[in-house]
């Protein structure tokens, strides 16, 4: 395997990128001047140094001068502590945040549950979610499961709901899912403000 093949394999690991697109990325880099590639390399290195993962919601965030352990959302005392939205990934969280239709806490699950999967717990942060719910016992009133409307998203919704059901009942916490507003097959991160607003309003 030559360097072109090796780099293409790296790009194929990016979400939604296939063989043809991966090779287009490689050839794009080959046509750019060396300064572009060096800048890209430096930015990737800086990304690892300047970004941390929140210990509460598992969202990635930019570190400030201080080495914070919590992101700006979890450290904000003005948010609604009674609701917790569970999303698949960081980009979903960012879309909801930018829409300004939700002012509660978040939890990044880390992925969706494959419909055929034996070792599910190694794919998502289900145990961390349970610990989060226990920790928020005094304030938490509702958990919103906000996944894409797809077979895998529906399967994840059912799996998470089943996993946290007993804990939620014990703590008298309501479990809801995004309602009508999202079209079937829609990725949460690509939804506009009105769509997200309607989905939250019609949650059940």
N, C-alpha and C. Protein backbone atom coordinates (compact mmCIF):
# COMPACT_ATOMS: atom_id res chain seq x y z
N UNK A 1 0.84 -1.19 0.00
CA UNK A 1 0.00 0.00 0.00
C UNK A 1 0.89 1.26 0.00
N UNK A 2 0.72 2.13 -1.01
CA UNK A 2 1.54 3.33 -1.09
C UNK A 2 0.95 4.45 -0.24
N UNK A 3 1.63 5.62 -0.23
CA UNK A 3 1.23 6.72 0.63
C UNK A 3 -0.15 7.26 0.27
N UNK A 4 -0.49 7.24 -1.03
CA UNK A 4 -1.81 7.71 -1.46
C UNK A 4 -2.90 6.81 -0.89
N UNK A 5 -2.69 5.51 -0.98
CA UNK A 5 -3.66 4.56 -0.43
C UNK A 5 -3.78 4.70 1.09
N UNK A 6 -2.65 4.88 1.76
CA UNK A 6 -2.67 5.00 3.22
C UNK A 6 -3.44 6.24 3.67
N UNK A 7 -3.19 7.36 2.99
CA UNK A 7 -3.87 8.59 3.36
C UNK A 7 -5.36 8.52 3.03
N UNK A 8 -5.69 7.87 1.91
CA UNK A 8 -7.09 7.68 1.54
C UNK A 8 -7.82 6.85 2.59
N UNK A 9 -7.14 5.84 3.13
CA UNK A 9 -7.73 5.01 4.19
C UNK A 9 -8.03 5.85 5.43
N UNK A 10 -7.15 6.81 5.72
CA UNK A 10 -7.36 7.69 6.87
C UNK A 10 -8.61 8.54 6.64
N UNK A 11 -8.74 9.13 5.45
CA UNK A 11 -9.89 9.98 5.14
C UNK A 11 -11.20 9.19 5.11
N UNK A 12 -11.13 7.92 4.76
CA UNK A 12 -12.33 7.08 4.71
C UNK A 12 -12.93 6.86 6.10
N UNK A 13 -12.14 7.11 7.15
CA UNK A 13 -12.65 6.98 8.51
C UNK A 13 -13.50 8.18 8.92
N UNK A 14 -13.45 9.27 8.13
CA UNK A 14 -14.27 10.44 8.41
C UNK A 14 -15.74 10.08 8.16
N UNK A 15 -16.68 10.64 8.95
CA UNK A 15 -18.11 10.34 8.76
C UNK A 15 -18.60 10.70 7.37
N UNK A 16 -19.25 9.74 6.71
CA UNK A 16 -19.87 9.99 5.42
C UNK A 16 -18.92 10.05 4.24
N UNK A 17 -17.66 9.69 4.45
CA UNK A 17 -16.68 9.76 3.36
C UNK A 17 -16.38 8.36 2.82
N UNK A 18 -16.57 8.22 1.50
CA UNK A 18 -16.31 6.94 0.84
C UNK A 18 -14.97 6.94 0.12
N UNK A 19 -14.73 5.88 -0.62
CA UNK A 19 -13.45 5.69 -1.32
C UNK A 19 -13.16 6.84 -2.29
N UNK A 20 -14.13 7.20 -3.11
CA UNK A 20 -13.91 8.23 -4.12
C UNK A 20 -13.62 9.59 -3.49
N UNK A 21 -14.41 9.96 -2.50
CA UNK A 21 -14.19 11.25 -1.83
C UNK A 21 -12.86 11.29 -1.10
N UNK A 22 -12.50 10.16 -0.48
CA UNK A 22 -11.23 10.09 0.25
C UNK A 22 -10.06 10.35 -0.69
N UNK A 23 -10.11 9.77 -1.88
CA UNK A 23 -9.03 9.97 -2.85
C UNK A 23 -9.03 11.42 -3.39
N UNK A 24 -10.21 12.01 -3.50
CA UNK A 24 -10.27 13.40 -3.94
C UNK A 24 -9.57 14.29 -2.93
N UNK A 25 -9.72 14.00 -1.65
CA UNK A 25 -9.03 14.77 -0.60
C UNK A 25 -7.52 14.65 -0.75
N UNK A 26 -7.07 13.42 -1.00
CA UNK A 26 -5.62 13.18 -1.15
C UNK A 26 -5.06 13.98 -2.33
N UNK A 27 -5.73 13.91 -3.47
CA UNK A 27 -5.24 14.62 -4.65
C UNK A 27 -5.35 16.13 -4.48
N UNK A 28 -6.35 16.58 -3.73
CA UNK A 28 -6.47 18.00 -3.42
C UNK A 28 -5.24 18.48 -2.65
N UNK A 29 -4.83 17.69 -1.65
CA UNK A 29 -3.64 18.05 -0.87
C UNK A 29 -2.37 18.04 -1.72
N UNK A 30 -2.33 17.12 -2.68
CA UNK A 30 -1.14 17.04 -3.55
C UNK A 30 -1.01 18.28 -4.44
N UNK A 31 -2.15 18.86 -4.83
CA UNK A 31 -2.12 20.04 -5.69
C UNK A 31 -1.83 21.33 -4.92
N UNK A 32 -2.10 21.33 -3.61
CA UNK A 32 -1.87 22.53 -2.81
C UNK A 32 -0.37 22.72 -2.54
N UNK A 33 0.01 23.95 -2.24
CA UNK A 33 1.43 24.20 -1.97
C UNK A 33 1.81 23.67 -0.59
N UNK A 34 3.09 23.48 -0.31
CA UNK A 34 3.54 22.90 0.97
C UNK A 34 3.07 23.69 2.20
N UNK A 35 2.92 25.01 2.05
CA UNK A 35 2.48 25.84 3.18
C UNK A 35 1.10 25.43 3.66
N UNK A 36 0.22 25.09 2.73
CA UNK A 36 -1.15 24.67 3.07
C UNK A 36 -1.10 23.39 3.90
N UNK A 37 -0.33 22.41 3.47
CA UNK A 37 -0.22 21.14 4.18
C UNK A 37 0.40 21.33 5.56
N UNK A 38 1.39 22.20 5.66
CA UNK A 38 2.03 22.47 6.95
C UNK A 38 1.06 23.14 7.91
N UNK A 39 0.26 24.06 7.38
CA UNK A 39 -0.73 24.75 8.21
C UNK A 39 -1.79 23.77 8.71
N UNK A 40 -2.21 22.86 7.83
CA UNK A 40 -3.18 21.84 8.20
C UNK A 40 -2.63 20.95 9.30
N UNK A 41 -1.38 20.54 9.14
CA UNK A 41 -0.71 19.70 10.15
C UNK A 41 -0.66 20.41 11.50
N UNK A 42 -0.29 21.71 11.49
CA UNK A 42 -0.17 22.47 12.73
C UNK A 42 -1.53 22.65 13.42
N UNK A 43 -2.57 22.89 12.62
CA UNK A 43 -3.91 23.07 13.18
C UNK A 43 -4.41 21.79 13.84
N UNK A 44 -4.13 20.65 13.21
CA UNK A 44 -4.53 19.36 13.80
C UNK A 44 -3.82 19.13 15.12
N UNK A 45 -2.54 19.50 15.19
CA UNK A 45 -1.77 19.37 16.43
C UNK A 45 -2.32 20.29 17.51
N UNK A 46 -2.67 21.52 17.13
CA UNK A 46 -3.21 22.48 18.09
C UNK A 46 -4.58 22.05 18.60
N UNK A 47 -5.33 21.40 17.73
CA UNK A 47 -6.66 20.94 18.10
C UNK A 47 -6.61 20.03 19.32
N UNK A 48 -5.66 19.13 19.33
CA UNK A 48 -5.51 18.21 20.45
C UNK A 48 -5.05 18.91 21.72
N UNK A 49 -4.29 19.98 21.55
CA UNK A 49 -3.76 20.70 22.71
C UNK A 49 -4.78 21.65 23.33
N UNK A 50 -5.61 22.28 22.47
CA UNK A 50 -6.50 23.36 22.92
C UNK A 50 -7.93 22.91 23.19
N UNK A 51 -8.21 21.64 22.95
CA UNK A 51 -9.57 21.14 23.14
C UNK A 51 -9.60 20.09 24.25
N UNK A 52 -10.64 20.18 25.09
CA UNK A 52 -10.82 19.19 26.16
C UNK A 52 -12.24 18.63 26.08
N UNK A 53 -12.48 17.56 26.82
CA UNK A 53 -13.80 16.96 26.85
C UNK A 53 -14.43 17.23 28.21
N UNK A 54 -15.62 17.79 28.20
CA UNK A 54 -16.33 18.14 29.44
C UNK A 54 -16.57 16.89 30.28
N UNK A 55 -16.30 16.99 31.56
CA UNK A 55 -16.47 15.85 32.46
C UNK A 55 -17.93 15.58 32.81
N UNK A 56 -18.82 16.54 32.47
CA UNK A 56 -20.24 16.38 32.79
C UNK A 56 -21.05 15.87 31.59
N UNK A 57 -20.91 16.54 30.44
CA UNK A 57 -21.74 16.20 29.28
C UNK A 57 -20.97 15.48 28.18
N UNK A 58 -19.65 15.41 28.29
CA UNK A 58 -18.76 14.75 27.33
C UNK A 58 -18.67 15.48 25.98
N UNK A 59 -19.03 16.74 25.98
CA UNK A 59 -18.88 17.58 24.80
C UNK A 59 -17.43 18.07 24.71
N UNK A 60 -16.91 18.19 23.50
CA UNK A 60 -15.58 18.77 23.32
C UNK A 60 -15.71 20.29 23.33
N UNK A 61 -14.76 20.98 23.98
CA UNK A 61 -14.82 22.43 24.03
C UNK A 61 -13.41 23.02 24.03
N UNK A 62 -13.33 24.31 23.65
CA UNK A 62 -12.05 25.00 23.58
C UNK A 62 -11.64 25.45 24.97
N UNK A 63 -10.43 25.10 25.37
CA UNK A 63 -9.92 25.51 26.66
C UNK A 63 -9.55 26.98 26.66
N UNK A 64 -9.81 27.67 27.78
CA UNK A 64 -9.41 29.05 27.93
C UNK A 64 -8.04 29.11 28.59
N UNK A 65 -7.77 30.20 29.25
CA UNK A 65 -6.49 30.35 29.95
C UNK A 65 -6.37 29.35 31.10
N UNK A 66 -7.51 29.10 31.75
CA UNK A 66 -7.53 28.12 32.83
C UNK A 66 -7.85 26.75 32.24
N UNK A 67 -7.40 25.73 32.89
CA UNK A 67 -7.66 24.37 32.44
C UNK A 67 -9.00 23.90 33.02
N UNK A 68 -10.09 24.37 32.40
CA UNK A 68 -11.42 24.05 32.90
C UNK A 68 -11.74 22.57 32.75
N UNK A 69 -12.58 22.06 33.65
CA UNK A 69 -13.04 20.68 33.57
C UNK A 69 -14.45 20.60 33.00
N UNK A 70 -15.15 21.76 33.02
CA UNK A 70 -16.51 21.82 32.50
C UNK A 70 -16.59 22.78 31.32
N UNK A 71 -17.46 22.47 30.36
CA UNK A 71 -17.67 23.36 29.23
C UNK A 71 -18.52 24.55 29.68
N UNK A 72 -18.68 25.54 28.79
CA UNK A 72 -19.41 26.75 29.15
C UNK A 72 -20.88 26.48 29.45
N UNK A 73 -21.46 25.44 28.85
CA UNK A 73 -22.87 25.12 29.11
C UNK A 73 -23.04 24.54 30.52
N UNK A 74 -22.24 23.55 30.84
CA UNK A 74 -22.35 22.89 32.15
C UNK A 74 -21.95 23.82 33.30
N UNK A 75 -21.08 24.80 33.00
CA UNK A 75 -20.64 25.73 34.03
C UNK A 75 -21.61 26.91 34.19
N UNK A 76 -22.59 27.01 33.30
CA UNK A 76 -23.55 28.11 33.32
C UNK A 76 -24.62 27.87 34.38
N UNK A 77 -24.74 28.76 35.33
CA UNK A 77 -25.72 28.60 36.41
C UNK A 77 -27.11 29.10 36.03
N UNK A 78 -27.25 29.68 34.83
CA UNK A 78 -28.54 30.23 34.40
C UNK A 78 -29.34 29.30 33.50
N UNK A 79 -28.84 28.11 33.23
CA UNK A 79 -29.59 27.16 32.40
C UNK A 79 -30.65 26.44 33.24
N UNK A 80 -31.56 25.77 32.56
CA UNK A 80 -32.63 25.02 33.23
C UNK A 80 -32.09 23.65 33.64
N UNK A 81 -31.89 23.45 34.92
CA UNK A 81 -31.31 22.20 35.43
C UNK A 81 -32.34 21.06 35.50
N UNK A 82 -33.59 21.36 35.19
CA UNK A 82 -34.62 20.34 35.32
C UNK A 82 -34.75 19.45 34.09
N UNK A 83 -34.13 19.85 32.97
CA UNK A 83 -34.22 19.06 31.75
C UNK A 83 -32.83 18.69 31.22
N UNK A 84 -32.74 17.47 30.71
CA UNK A 84 -31.48 16.95 30.18
C UNK A 84 -31.74 16.38 28.79
N UNK A 85 -31.07 16.93 27.78
CA UNK A 85 -31.22 16.43 26.42
C UNK A 85 -30.07 15.49 26.07
N UNK A 86 -30.39 14.29 25.64
CA UNK A 86 -29.39 13.30 25.25
C UNK A 86 -29.29 13.30 23.73
N UNK A 87 -28.10 13.61 23.21
CA UNK A 87 -27.88 13.65 21.76
C UNK A 87 -26.81 12.64 21.36
N UNK A 88 -26.76 12.37 20.07
CA UNK A 88 -25.79 11.39 19.56
C UNK A 88 -24.36 11.92 19.60
N UNK A 89 -24.17 13.15 19.08
CA UNK A 89 -22.81 13.66 18.88
C UNK A 89 -22.73 15.16 19.11
N UNK A 90 -21.50 15.67 19.14
CA UNK A 90 -21.25 17.09 19.40
C UNK A 90 -21.95 18.00 18.40
N UNK A 91 -21.94 17.64 17.12
CA UNK A 91 -22.54 18.50 16.10
C UNK A 91 -24.04 18.64 16.31
N UNK A 92 -24.71 17.61 16.86
CA UNK A 92 -26.13 17.71 17.19
C UNK A 92 -26.34 18.73 18.31
N UNK A 93 -25.50 18.64 19.33
CA UNK A 93 -25.57 19.57 20.45
C UNK A 93 -25.38 21.00 19.96
N UNK A 94 -24.40 21.23 19.10
CA UNK A 94 -24.12 22.57 18.61
C UNK A 94 -25.30 23.13 17.81
N UNK A 95 -25.98 22.28 17.04
CA UNK A 95 -27.13 22.72 16.26
C UNK A 95 -28.27 23.17 17.16
N UNK A 96 -28.53 22.40 18.21
CA UNK A 96 -29.59 22.76 19.15
C UNK A 96 -29.22 24.03 19.90
N UNK A 97 -27.96 24.13 20.30
CA UNK A 97 -27.49 25.31 21.01
C UNK A 97 -27.65 26.58 20.17
N UNK A 98 -27.27 26.52 18.90
CA UNK A 98 -27.35 27.68 18.02
C UNK A 98 -28.79 28.08 17.73
N UNK A 99 -29.70 27.13 17.79
CA UNK A 99 -31.11 27.42 17.51
C UNK A 99 -31.76 28.25 18.62
N UNK A 100 -31.20 28.19 19.82
CA UNK A 100 -31.71 28.94 20.99
C UNK A 100 -33.14 28.57 21.35
N UNK A 101 -33.53 27.35 21.05
CA UNK A 101 -34.88 26.90 21.40
C UNK A 101 -34.87 26.00 22.64
N UNK A 102 -33.68 25.79 23.19
CA UNK A 102 -33.54 24.91 24.35
C UNK A 102 -32.52 25.52 25.30
N UNK A 103 -32.83 25.50 26.61
CA UNK A 103 -31.94 26.13 27.58
C UNK A 103 -31.62 25.20 28.76
N UNK A 104 -31.60 23.89 28.49
CA UNK A 104 -31.32 22.95 29.55
C UNK A 104 -29.92 22.36 29.46
N UNK A 105 -29.72 21.24 30.15
CA UNK A 105 -28.43 20.56 30.15
C UNK A 105 -28.39 19.54 28.99
N UNK A 106 -27.19 19.10 28.67
CA UNK A 106 -26.98 18.15 27.58
C UNK A 106 -26.18 16.94 28.06
N UNK A 107 -26.27 15.88 27.25
CA UNK A 107 -25.39 14.71 27.43
C UNK A 107 -25.13 14.13 26.05
N UNK A 108 -23.84 13.99 25.70
CA UNK A 108 -23.45 13.44 24.39
C UNK A 108 -23.25 11.93 24.54
N UNK A 109 -24.12 11.16 23.91
CA UNK A 109 -24.09 9.70 24.05
C UNK A 109 -22.88 9.07 23.37
N UNK A 110 -22.39 9.71 22.31
CA UNK A 110 -21.19 9.21 21.65
C UNK A 110 -21.44 8.34 20.45
N UNK A 111 -22.69 8.22 20.01
CA UNK A 111 -23.01 7.42 18.84
C UNK A 111 -24.43 6.89 18.90
N UNK A 112 -24.80 6.13 17.88
CA UNK A 112 -26.09 5.45 17.85
C UNK A 112 -25.86 3.96 18.05
N UNK A 113 -26.88 3.28 18.50
CA UNK A 113 -26.78 1.84 18.74
C UNK A 113 -27.09 1.08 17.45
N UNK A 114 -26.13 0.31 16.91
CA UNK A 114 -26.41 -0.49 15.71
C UNK A 114 -27.55 -1.46 15.98
N UNK A 115 -28.40 -1.67 14.99
CA UNK A 115 -29.56 -2.55 15.17
C UNK A 115 -29.13 -3.97 15.49
N UNK A 116 -28.04 -4.42 14.89
CA UNK A 116 -27.49 -5.74 15.22
C UNK A 116 -26.14 -5.51 15.90
N UNK A 117 -26.13 -5.60 17.20
CA UNK A 117 -24.91 -5.34 17.97
C UNK A 117 -24.98 -6.07 19.30
N UNK A 118 -23.98 -6.86 19.60
CA UNK A 118 -23.95 -7.62 20.86
C UNK A 118 -23.34 -6.80 21.99
N UNK A 119 -22.27 -6.09 21.69
CA UNK A 119 -21.55 -5.36 22.74
C UNK A 119 -21.91 -3.88 22.71
N UNK A 120 -23.20 -3.57 22.91
CA UNK A 120 -23.71 -2.21 22.79
C UNK A 120 -23.05 -1.24 23.75
N UNK A 121 -22.82 -1.66 24.98
CA UNK A 121 -22.32 -0.75 26.01
C UNK A 121 -20.94 -0.21 25.70
N UNK A 122 -20.20 -0.88 24.82
CA UNK A 122 -18.88 -0.39 24.47
C UNK A 122 -18.96 0.67 23.37
N UNK A 123 -20.14 0.84 22.76
CA UNK A 123 -20.31 1.76 21.65
C UNK A 123 -20.83 3.12 22.09
N UNK A 124 -21.54 3.17 23.21
CA UNK A 124 -22.15 4.42 23.68
C UNK A 124 -21.92 4.58 25.19
N UNK A 125 -22.17 5.78 25.71
CA UNK A 125 -21.92 6.08 27.12
C UNK A 125 -23.18 5.86 27.96
N UNK A 126 -23.70 4.65 27.94
CA UNK A 126 -24.94 4.39 28.67
C UNK A 126 -24.72 4.38 30.18
N UNK A 127 -23.60 3.83 30.64
CA UNK A 127 -23.34 3.81 32.09
C UNK A 127 -23.06 5.23 32.60
N UNK A 128 -22.35 6.01 31.78
CA UNK A 128 -22.09 7.40 32.15
C UNK A 128 -23.40 8.20 32.23
N UNK A 129 -24.34 7.88 31.33
CA UNK A 129 -25.64 8.55 31.35
C UNK A 129 -26.39 8.21 32.64
N UNK A 130 -26.36 6.96 33.03
CA UNK A 130 -27.02 6.56 34.28
C UNK A 130 -26.42 7.30 35.47
N UNK A 131 -25.10 7.41 35.49
CA UNK A 131 -24.44 8.14 36.58
C UNK A 131 -24.83 9.61 36.58
N UNK A 132 -24.98 10.18 35.39
CA UNK A 132 -25.39 11.57 35.25
C UNK A 132 -26.79 11.77 35.83
N UNK A 133 -27.69 10.85 35.52
CA UNK A 133 -29.07 10.94 36.02
C UNK A 133 -29.10 10.85 37.54
N UNK A 134 -28.31 9.94 38.09
CA UNK A 134 -28.24 9.80 39.54
C UNK A 134 -27.70 11.07 40.19
N UNK A 135 -26.69 11.65 39.56
CA UNK A 135 -26.06 12.85 40.10
C UNK A 135 -27.01 14.04 40.09
N UNK A 136 -27.89 14.10 39.08
CA UNK A 136 -28.82 15.22 38.93
C UNK A 136 -30.17 14.95 39.60
N UNK A 137 -30.21 13.97 40.49
CA UNK A 137 -31.47 13.50 41.09
C UNK A 137 -32.33 14.63 41.67
N UNK A 138 -31.74 15.56 42.38
CA UNK A 138 -32.52 16.60 43.06
C UNK A 138 -33.18 17.58 42.09
N UNK A 139 -32.55 17.84 40.96
CA UNK A 139 -33.06 18.86 40.03
C UNK A 139 -33.80 18.31 38.82
N UNK A 140 -33.44 17.12 38.38
CA UNK A 140 -33.90 16.60 37.10
C UNK A 140 -35.38 16.20 37.11
N UNK A 141 -36.12 16.71 36.10
CA UNK A 141 -37.54 16.40 35.96
C UNK A 141 -37.86 15.70 34.64
N UNK A 142 -37.02 15.93 33.61
CA UNK A 142 -37.31 15.35 32.31
C UNK A 142 -36.01 15.06 31.55
N UNK A 143 -35.99 13.92 30.86
CA UNK A 143 -34.89 13.54 29.97
C UNK A 143 -35.45 13.50 28.55
N UNK A 144 -34.86 14.28 27.65
CA UNK A 144 -35.30 14.32 26.26
C UNK A 144 -34.33 13.53 25.40
N UNK A 145 -34.80 12.49 24.75
CA UNK A 145 -33.97 11.69 23.85
C UNK A 145 -34.08 12.32 22.46
N UNK A 146 -32.97 12.88 21.99
CA UNK A 146 -32.99 13.65 20.73
C UNK A 146 -32.06 13.01 19.70
N UNK A 147 -32.57 11.99 19.02
CA UNK A 147 -31.79 11.29 18.01
C UNK A 147 -32.41 11.49 16.62
N UNK A 148 -31.64 11.22 15.59
CA UNK A 148 -32.13 11.35 14.23
C UNK A 148 -33.29 10.40 13.99
N UNK A 149 -34.23 10.83 13.15
CA UNK A 149 -35.37 9.98 12.83
C UNK A 149 -35.00 9.01 11.72
N UNK A 150 -34.41 7.91 12.13
CA UNK A 150 -33.96 6.86 11.22
C UNK A 150 -34.12 5.54 11.97
N UNK A 151 -34.05 4.40 11.27
CA UNK A 151 -34.15 3.12 11.98
C UNK A 151 -33.14 2.99 13.12
N UNK A 152 -31.91 3.43 12.88
CA UNK A 152 -30.88 3.33 13.93
C UNK A 152 -31.16 4.31 15.06
N UNK A 153 -31.66 5.50 14.71
CA UNK A 153 -32.02 6.48 15.73
C UNK A 153 -33.17 5.98 16.59
N UNK A 154 -34.18 5.38 15.95
CA UNK A 154 -35.32 4.82 16.68
C UNK A 154 -34.88 3.67 17.59
N UNK A 155 -33.97 2.85 17.08
CA UNK A 155 -33.46 1.72 17.87
C UNK A 155 -32.69 2.23 19.09
N UNK A 156 -31.91 3.28 18.90
CA UNK A 156 -31.15 3.88 20.00
C UNK A 156 -32.10 4.46 21.04
N UNK A 157 -33.14 5.13 20.58
CA UNK A 157 -34.15 5.69 21.48
C UNK A 157 -34.74 4.59 22.36
N UNK A 158 -35.13 3.47 21.73
CA UNK A 158 -35.73 2.35 22.48
C UNK A 158 -34.75 1.75 23.46
N UNK A 159 -33.49 1.60 23.02
CA UNK A 159 -32.47 0.98 23.88
C UNK A 159 -32.19 1.86 25.10
N UNK A 160 -31.97 3.15 24.87
CA UNK A 160 -31.67 4.06 25.98
C UNK A 160 -32.86 4.14 26.94
N UNK A 161 -34.05 4.24 26.37
CA UNK A 161 -35.26 4.32 27.19
C UNK A 161 -35.37 3.10 28.11
N UNK A 162 -35.09 1.92 27.57
CA UNK A 162 -35.17 0.69 28.36
C UNK A 162 -34.09 0.66 29.44
N UNK A 163 -32.90 1.14 29.12
CA UNK A 163 -31.78 1.12 30.05
C UNK A 163 -31.99 2.06 31.25
N UNK A 164 -32.64 3.19 31.02
CA UNK A 164 -32.78 4.18 32.10
C UNK A 164 -34.18 4.19 32.71
N UNK A 165 -35.07 3.32 32.23
CA UNK A 165 -36.46 3.31 32.66
C UNK A 165 -36.61 3.18 34.18
N UNK A 166 -35.98 2.18 34.76
CA UNK A 166 -36.13 1.95 36.20
C UNK A 166 -35.58 3.11 37.02
N UNK A 167 -34.47 3.64 36.60
CA UNK A 167 -33.84 4.76 37.29
C UNK A 167 -34.73 6.00 37.22
N UNK A 168 -35.30 6.23 36.04
CA UNK A 168 -36.18 7.39 35.85
C UNK A 168 -37.45 7.26 36.69
N UNK A 169 -38.01 6.06 36.74
CA UNK A 169 -39.22 5.84 37.54
C UNK A 169 -38.93 6.05 39.02
N UNK A 170 -37.80 5.58 39.47
CA UNK A 170 -37.40 5.72 40.87
C UNK A 170 -37.26 7.18 41.26
N UNK A 171 -36.71 7.99 40.35
CA UNK A 171 -36.46 9.40 40.64
C UNK A 171 -37.59 10.30 40.15
N UNK A 172 -38.68 9.65 39.62
CA UNK A 172 -39.84 10.38 39.11
C UNK A 172 -39.44 11.37 38.01
N UNK A 173 -38.64 10.89 37.07
CA UNK A 173 -38.18 11.70 35.94
C UNK A 173 -38.90 11.24 34.68
N UNK A 174 -39.47 12.17 33.93
CA UNK A 174 -40.16 11.87 32.68
C UNK A 174 -39.14 11.63 31.56
N UNK A 175 -39.39 10.63 30.72
CA UNK A 175 -38.57 10.38 29.53
C UNK A 175 -39.39 10.73 28.31
N UNK A 176 -38.90 11.63 27.47
CA UNK A 176 -39.61 12.01 26.25
C UNK A 176 -38.68 11.93 25.05
N UNK A 177 -39.27 11.95 23.86
CA UNK A 177 -38.51 11.94 22.61
C UNK A 177 -38.98 13.09 21.74
N UNK A 178 -38.12 13.56 20.85
CA UNK A 178 -38.52 14.64 19.95
C UNK A 178 -39.74 14.22 19.15
N UNK A 179 -40.70 15.13 19.03
CA UNK A 179 -41.94 14.81 18.35
C UNK A 179 -41.95 15.20 16.90
N UNK A 180 -43.15 15.38 16.35
CA UNK A 180 -43.30 15.74 14.94
C UNK A 180 -42.65 17.10 14.70
N UNK A 181 -42.03 17.22 13.57
CA UNK A 181 -41.27 18.43 13.26
C UNK A 181 -40.04 18.02 12.48
N UNK A 182 -39.47 16.89 12.89
CA UNK A 182 -38.35 16.33 12.14
C UNK A 182 -38.88 15.36 11.09
N UNK A 183 -38.38 15.47 9.87
CA UNK A 183 -38.78 14.55 8.81
C UNK A 183 -38.03 13.24 8.97
N UNK A 184 -38.66 12.14 8.58
CA UNK A 184 -38.01 10.84 8.67
C UNK A 184 -36.71 10.85 7.88
N UNK A 185 -35.65 10.37 8.52
CA UNK A 185 -34.34 10.32 7.88
C UNK A 185 -33.50 11.56 8.12
N UNK A 186 -34.08 12.57 8.79
CA UNK A 186 -33.36 13.83 9.01
C UNK A 186 -32.33 13.69 10.12
N UNK A 187 -31.11 14.20 9.83
CA UNK A 187 -30.07 14.27 10.85
C UNK A 187 -30.34 15.49 11.71
N UNK A 188 -30.23 15.35 13.01
CA UNK A 188 -30.51 16.44 13.93
C UNK A 188 -29.64 17.65 13.64
N UNK A 189 -28.37 17.42 13.29
CA UNK A 189 -27.44 18.53 13.09
C UNK A 189 -27.80 19.40 11.88
N UNK A 190 -28.62 18.89 10.96
CA UNK A 190 -28.98 19.66 9.76
C UNK A 190 -30.36 20.31 9.88
N UNK A 191 -31.01 20.20 11.02
CA UNK A 191 -32.35 20.75 11.19
C UNK A 191 -32.29 22.25 11.46
N UNK A 192 -33.25 23.00 10.89
CA UNK A 192 -33.28 24.44 11.10
C UNK A 192 -33.98 24.77 12.42
N UNK A 193 -33.97 26.05 12.78
CA UNK A 193 -34.51 26.49 14.07
C UNK A 193 -35.98 26.16 14.25
N UNK A 194 -36.80 26.41 13.22
CA UNK A 194 -38.24 26.15 13.33
C UNK A 194 -38.52 24.67 13.49
N UNK A 195 -37.77 23.84 12.75
CA UNK A 195 -37.94 22.39 12.84
C UNK A 195 -37.62 21.89 14.25
N UNK A 196 -36.50 22.36 14.81
CA UNK A 196 -36.12 21.97 16.16
C UNK A 196 -37.14 22.46 17.19
N UNK A 197 -37.61 23.68 16.98
CA UNK A 197 -38.60 24.25 17.90
C UNK A 197 -39.87 23.42 17.93
N UNK A 198 -40.36 23.02 16.75
CA UNK A 198 -41.57 22.20 16.66
C UNK A 198 -41.34 20.81 17.23
N UNK A 199 -40.17 20.25 16.98
CA UNK A 199 -39.85 18.91 17.50
C UNK A 199 -39.82 18.91 19.03
N UNK A 200 -39.29 19.97 19.61
CA UNK A 200 -39.25 20.08 21.08
C UNK A 200 -40.66 20.32 21.64
N UNK A 201 -41.40 21.17 20.97
CA UNK A 201 -42.75 21.50 21.41
C UNK A 201 -43.66 20.28 21.40
N UNK A 202 -43.47 19.42 20.39
CA UNK A 202 -44.33 18.24 20.22
C UNK A 202 -43.72 16.95 20.79
N UNK A 203 -42.71 17.08 21.65
CA UNK A 203 -42.08 15.88 22.21
C UNK A 203 -43.07 15.12 23.06
N UNK A 204 -42.85 13.80 23.09
CA UNK A 204 -43.78 12.95 23.84
C UNK A 204 -43.08 11.71 24.35
